[in-house]
């Protein structure tokens, strides 16, 4: 994975979010289907999600949909 790649949450991350979220917590699975890696610090990838959120993600929580050049 690298800056510019399109990514999404892994299936495991989606399941974890659904199982561990509170009742009043918004469901984020719909807006974590597509995001772009904008930076990394060697540990986390910083992803701009389709709803505008910028979040740090561990490499094990996201998978590549499309690689950048």
Protein backbone atom coordinates (compact mmCIF):
# COMPACT_ATOMS: atom_id res chain seq x y z
CA UNK A 1 0.00 0.00 0.00
CA UNK A 2 1.14 3.50 -0.77
CA UNK A 3 -0.07 7.11 -0.98
CA UNK A 4 -2.68 7.46 -3.72
CA UNK A 5 -4.12 3.94 -3.47
CA UNK A 6 -7.89 3.54 -3.19
CA UNK A 7 -8.75 1.42 -0.15
CA UNK A 8 -11.69 0.09 1.83
CA UNK A 9 -12.17 -1.45 5.26
CA UNK A 10 -11.47 -5.17 5.39
CA UNK A 11 -14.43 -7.48 5.99
CA UNK A 12 -13.06 -8.20 9.46
CA UNK A 13 -12.91 -4.48 10.30
CA UNK A 14 -16.52 -4.02 9.15
CA UNK A 15 -17.65 -6.95 11.31
CA UNK A 16 -15.69 -5.62 14.29
CA UNK A 17 -17.30 -2.19 13.90
CA UNK A 18 -20.81 -3.67 13.70
CA UNK A 19 -20.27 -6.02 16.67
CA UNK A 20 -18.52 -3.54 18.96
CA UNK A 21 -20.31 -0.26 18.24
CA UNK A 22 -22.74 1.27 20.68
CA UNK A 23 -26.41 1.72 19.81
CA UNK A 24 -26.13 5.52 19.50
CA UNK A 25 -22.93 5.33 17.41
CA UNK A 26 -23.39 6.02 13.68
CA UNK A 27 -22.85 3.10 11.30
CA UNK A 28 -19.64 3.87 9.40
CA UNK A 29 -19.57 0.76 7.21
CA UNK A 30 -21.31 2.58 4.35
CA UNK A 31 -18.72 5.36 4.18
CA UNK A 32 -15.70 3.08 4.58
CA UNK A 33 -16.20 1.38 1.21
CA UNK A 34 -13.84 3.76 -0.57
CA UNK A 35 -11.08 6.11 0.54
CA UNK A 36 -7.70 7.33 -0.67
CA UNK A 37 -4.43 7.07 1.23
CA UNK A 38 -3.09 10.62 1.57
CA UNK A 39 -0.09 10.02 3.86
CA UNK A 40 1.67 7.45 6.01
CA UNK A 41 4.09 7.59 8.91
CA UNK A 42 5.53 4.10 8.72
CA UNK A 43 2.96 2.73 11.19
CA UNK A 44 -0.41 4.10 10.06
CA UNK A 45 -1.92 5.07 6.75
CA UNK A 46 -3.94 8.28 6.77
CA UNK A 47 -7.07 7.79 4.69
CA UNK A 48 -9.49 10.44 3.40
CA UNK A 49 -12.82 8.59 3.35
CA UNK A 50 -15.67 9.34 0.96
CA UNK A 51 -17.59 11.28 3.63
CA UNK A 52 -14.61 13.63 4.17
CA UNK A 53 -13.23 12.02 7.35
CA UNK A 54 -9.46 11.81 7.64
CA UNK A 55 -8.52 8.83 9.79
CA UNK A 56 -5.37 6.92 10.70
CA UNK A 57 -5.74 3.25 9.79
CA UNK A 58 -3.48 0.31 10.59
CA UNK A 59 -2.44 -1.69 7.50
CA UNK A 60 -4.39 -4.69 8.79
CA UNK A 61 -7.69 -2.76 8.79
CA UNK A 62 -7.74 -1.72 5.12
CA UNK A 63 -7.33 -3.41 1.75
CA UNK A 64 -6.46 -1.99 -1.66
CA UNK A 65 -9.24 -1.54 -4.21
CA UNK A 66 -7.07 0.11 -6.87
CA UNK A 67 -3.36 0.90 -6.89
CA UNK A 68 -2.04 4.30 -7.93
CA UNK A 69 0.86 4.70 -10.33
